[in-house]
N, C-alpha and C. Protein backbone atom coordinates (compact mmCIF):
# COMPACT_ATOMS: atom_id res chain seq x y z
N MET A 1 -35.02 19.38 6.50
CA MET A 1 -33.64 19.54 6.73
C MET A 1 -33.02 19.73 5.28
N ASN A 2 -32.17 20.54 5.26
CA ASN A 2 -31.23 20.80 4.05
C ASN A 2 -30.21 19.85 3.82
N ASP A 3 -29.93 19.56 2.49
CA ASP A 3 -28.93 18.46 2.26
C ASP A 3 -27.60 19.45 2.11
N PRO A 4 -26.66 18.99 2.80
CA PRO A 4 -25.43 19.83 2.80
C PRO A 4 -24.51 19.84 1.34
N GLU A 5 -24.97 18.92 0.57
CA GLU A 5 -24.28 18.75 -0.74
C GLU A 5 -25.23 19.21 -1.79
N PRO A 6 -24.82 20.15 -2.80
CA PRO A 6 -25.99 20.15 -3.89
C PRO A 6 -25.87 18.94 -4.82
N LYS A 7 -27.16 18.60 -5.44
CA LYS A 7 -27.26 17.64 -6.27
C LYS A 7 -26.88 18.07 -7.49
N ILE A 8 -26.04 17.23 -8.34
CA ILE A 8 -25.27 17.54 -9.37
C ILE A 8 -26.01 16.59 -10.54
N GLU A 9 -25.67 17.12 -11.70
CA GLU A 9 -25.87 16.52 -13.07
C GLU A 9 -24.79 16.69 -13.94
N VAL A 10 -24.13 15.62 -14.55
CA VAL A 10 -23.03 15.85 -15.33
C VAL A 10 -23.24 15.26 -16.70
N VAL A 11 -23.06 15.86 -17.80
CA VAL A 11 -23.40 15.40 -19.21
C VAL A 11 -22.35 15.57 -20.07
N GLU A 12 -21.83 14.75 -20.69
CA GLU A 12 -20.52 14.60 -21.37
C GLU A 12 -20.86 14.53 -22.81
N GLY A 13 -20.51 15.79 -23.59
CA GLY A 13 -20.76 15.75 -25.09
C GLY A 13 -19.45 15.45 -25.82
N LYS A 14 -19.51 15.74 -27.26
CA LYS A 14 -18.34 15.54 -28.02
C LYS A 14 -17.14 16.73 -27.59
N LYS A 15 -17.70 17.90 -27.43
CA LYS A 15 -16.80 18.89 -27.25
C LYS A 15 -16.82 19.68 -25.93
N ALA A 16 -17.86 19.17 -25.09
CA ALA A 16 -17.61 19.89 -23.58
C ALA A 16 -18.55 18.92 -22.65
N VAL A 17 -18.09 19.32 -21.45
CA VAL A 17 -18.80 18.70 -20.34
C VAL A 17 -19.61 19.65 -19.57
N ASN A 18 -21.08 19.44 -19.42
CA ASN A 18 -21.91 20.31 -18.84
C ASN A 18 -22.20 19.83 -17.34
N VAL A 19 -22.09 20.78 -16.28
CA VAL A 19 -22.36 20.16 -15.01
C VAL A 19 -23.57 21.36 -14.47
N VAL A 20 -24.49 20.72 -14.15
CA VAL A 20 -25.54 21.40 -13.51
C VAL A 20 -25.80 21.21 -12.01
N ALA A 21 -25.62 22.16 -11.03
CA ALA A 21 -25.81 21.91 -9.83
C ALA A 21 -27.24 22.58 -9.16
N GLU A 22 -27.85 21.89 -8.40
CA GLU A 22 -29.04 22.60 -7.77
C GLU A 22 -28.62 23.10 -6.44
N ILE A 23 -28.61 24.55 -6.37
CA ILE A 23 -28.12 25.34 -5.43
C ILE A 23 -29.14 26.44 -5.28
N PRO A 24 -30.23 26.31 -4.89
CA PRO A 24 -31.45 27.31 -4.68
C PRO A 24 -30.80 28.50 -3.86
N GLY A 25 -31.27 29.69 -4.32
CA GLY A 25 -31.05 30.90 -3.42
C GLY A 25 -29.50 31.50 -3.47
N ILE A 26 -28.78 31.02 -4.18
CA ILE A 26 -27.32 31.32 -4.02
C ILE A 26 -26.99 32.00 -5.39
N LYS A 27 -26.40 33.22 -5.38
CA LYS A 27 -26.01 33.93 -6.46
C LYS A 27 -24.77 33.53 -7.12
N GLU A 28 -24.52 33.44 -8.44
CA GLU A 28 -23.48 33.06 -9.22
C GLU A 28 -22.12 33.61 -8.54
N GLY A 29 -22.11 34.89 -8.11
CA GLY A 29 -20.83 35.31 -7.46
C GLY A 29 -20.43 34.88 -6.20
N ASP A 30 -21.33 34.33 -5.44
CA ASP A 30 -21.09 33.58 -4.21
C ASP A 30 -20.60 32.21 -4.29
N LEU A 31 -20.50 31.69 -5.53
CA LEU A 31 -19.99 30.43 -5.66
C LEU A 31 -18.45 30.31 -6.18
N ASP A 32 -17.90 29.32 -5.45
CA ASP A 32 -16.35 29.24 -5.83
C ASP A 32 -16.34 27.81 -6.57
N LEU A 33 -15.75 27.86 -7.84
CA LEU A 33 -15.48 26.76 -8.78
C LEU A 33 -14.07 26.53 -8.96
N LYS A 34 -13.46 25.32 -8.78
CA LYS A 34 -12.17 25.07 -8.90
C LYS A 34 -11.99 23.67 -9.62
N ILE A 35 -10.99 23.24 -10.67
CA ILE A 35 -10.83 22.37 -11.36
C ILE A 35 -9.33 22.08 -10.91
N SER A 36 -9.29 20.80 -10.24
CA SER A 36 -7.77 20.35 -9.92
C SER A 36 -7.13 19.76 -11.04
N GLN A 37 -5.76 19.59 -11.13
CA GLN A 37 -5.11 19.14 -12.18
C GLN A 37 -5.26 17.59 -12.40
N ASP A 38 -5.69 16.97 -11.42
CA ASP A 38 -6.10 15.45 -11.68
C ASP A 38 -7.52 15.34 -12.01
N GLY A 39 -8.26 16.49 -12.40
CA GLY A 39 -9.53 16.32 -13.03
C GLY A 39 -10.78 16.28 -12.07
N TYR A 40 -10.69 16.78 -11.21
CA TYR A 40 -11.90 16.79 -10.09
C TYR A 40 -12.31 18.53 -10.01
N LEU A 41 -13.66 18.47 -10.20
CA LEU A 41 -14.35 19.86 -10.09
C LEU A 41 -14.82 19.94 -8.57
N THR A 42 -14.66 21.04 -7.88
CA THR A 42 -15.02 21.34 -6.63
C THR A 42 -15.85 22.61 -6.71
N ILE A 43 -17.12 22.46 -6.07
CA ILE A 43 -18.09 23.58 -6.10
C ILE A 43 -18.26 24.01 -4.62
N SER A 44 -18.26 25.23 -4.14
CA SER A 44 -18.29 25.46 -2.78
C SER A 44 -18.86 26.90 -2.57
N GLY A 45 -19.25 27.22 -1.36
CA GLY A 45 -19.87 28.40 -1.13
C GLY A 45 -20.71 28.39 0.25
N GLU A 46 -21.56 29.53 0.51
CA GLU A 46 -22.27 29.49 1.59
C GLU A 46 -23.71 29.92 1.46
N LYS A 47 -24.47 29.28 2.02
CA LYS A 47 -26.01 29.57 1.86
C LYS A 47 -26.42 30.50 3.02
N ARG A 48 -27.07 31.40 2.68
CA ARG A 48 -27.56 32.46 3.74
C ARG A 48 -28.94 32.83 3.43
N HIS A 49 -29.82 32.64 4.59
CA HIS A 49 -31.28 32.78 4.15
C HIS A 49 -31.86 33.58 5.42
N MET A 50 -32.79 34.51 5.19
CA MET A 50 -33.23 35.27 6.36
C MET A 50 -34.64 35.38 6.00
N THR A 51 -35.59 35.19 7.02
CA THR A 51 -36.96 35.43 7.03
C THR A 51 -37.58 36.21 7.99
N GLU A 52 -38.25 37.28 7.76
CA GLU A 52 -38.82 38.05 8.93
C GLU A 52 -40.29 38.26 8.46
N ASP A 53 -41.10 38.17 9.63
CA ASP A 53 -42.55 38.41 9.45
C ASP A 53 -43.09 39.22 10.77
N ALA A 54 -43.62 40.28 10.65
CA ALA A 54 -44.02 41.12 11.73
C ALA A 54 -45.48 41.64 11.54
N THR A 55 -46.06 41.63 12.69
CA THR A 55 -47.51 42.36 12.56
C THR A 55 -47.60 43.10 13.88
N ASP A 56 -48.65 43.60 14.23
CA ASP A 56 -48.99 44.35 15.47
C ASP A 56 -48.87 43.28 16.68
N ASP A 57 -49.24 42.07 16.52
CA ASP A 57 -49.40 41.18 17.49
C ASP A 57 -47.99 40.32 17.65
N TYR A 58 -47.35 40.09 16.70
CA TYR A 58 -45.98 39.21 16.73
C TYR A 58 -45.01 39.59 15.87
N TYR A 59 -43.95 38.95 16.13
CA TYR A 59 -42.71 39.25 15.24
C TYR A 59 -41.89 37.64 15.02
N PHE A 60 -41.70 37.32 13.89
CA PHE A 60 -40.95 36.08 13.75
C PHE A 60 -39.76 36.39 12.81
N SER A 61 -38.63 35.79 13.13
CA SER A 61 -37.42 35.90 12.33
C SER A 61 -36.71 34.45 12.40
N GLU A 62 -36.17 34.03 11.36
CA GLU A 62 -35.45 32.78 11.13
C GLU A 62 -34.40 33.22 10.18
N ILE A 63 -33.15 32.52 10.85
CA ILE A 63 -31.85 32.78 9.91
C ILE A 63 -31.35 31.35 9.75
N SER A 64 -30.96 30.98 8.49
CA SER A 64 -30.20 29.73 8.29
C SER A 64 -29.01 30.04 7.37
N TYR A 65 -28.06 29.31 7.60
CA TYR A 65 -26.90 29.63 6.93
C TYR A 65 -25.86 28.24 7.02
N GLY A 66 -25.11 28.04 6.17
CA GLY A 66 -24.09 26.97 6.42
C GLY A 66 -23.15 26.75 5.07
N MET A 67 -22.19 26.34 5.24
CA MET A 67 -21.21 26.13 4.04
C MET A 67 -21.59 24.79 3.46
N PHE A 68 -21.29 24.76 2.23
CA PHE A 68 -21.43 23.68 1.48
C PHE A 68 -20.22 23.42 0.39
N ARG A 69 -20.03 22.04 0.00
CA ARG A 69 -18.80 21.72 -0.80
C ARG A 69 -19.10 20.51 -1.45
N ARG A 70 -18.99 20.35 -2.71
CA ARG A 70 -19.02 19.08 -3.58
C ARG A 70 -18.05 18.86 -4.61
N THR A 71 -17.31 17.94 -4.44
CA THR A 71 -16.26 17.43 -5.23
C THR A 71 -16.51 16.25 -6.16
N ILE A 72 -16.50 16.36 -7.59
CA ILE A 72 -16.85 15.33 -8.37
C ILE A 72 -15.86 15.04 -9.27
N PRO A 73 -15.54 13.78 -9.76
CA PRO A 73 -14.61 13.69 -10.91
C PRO A 73 -15.25 13.90 -12.17
N LEU A 74 -14.42 14.81 -12.86
CA LEU A 74 -14.87 14.99 -14.48
C LEU A 74 -14.52 13.72 -15.40
N PRO A 75 -15.38 13.61 -16.30
CA PRO A 75 -15.10 12.58 -17.26
C PRO A 75 -13.93 13.07 -18.13
N TRP A 76 -13.15 12.17 -18.62
CA TRP A 76 -11.98 12.69 -19.43
C TRP A 76 -12.40 12.38 -20.94
């Protein structure tokens, strides 16, 4: 079963905040990142995956997809 929210790691340095999100199979252009005025980062997008396997004897196809969204407070 897939976790609907990506796992997040936030590291605050002296000059930057680095956020790493575990979102396998998602292209950078398929992500939506927003920072609200009150300091929250929202990461959202849609996971799409299709598997096909065919031989002379059988055909197998599996499609999985779903929206995800994660909002976290950023350190000040």
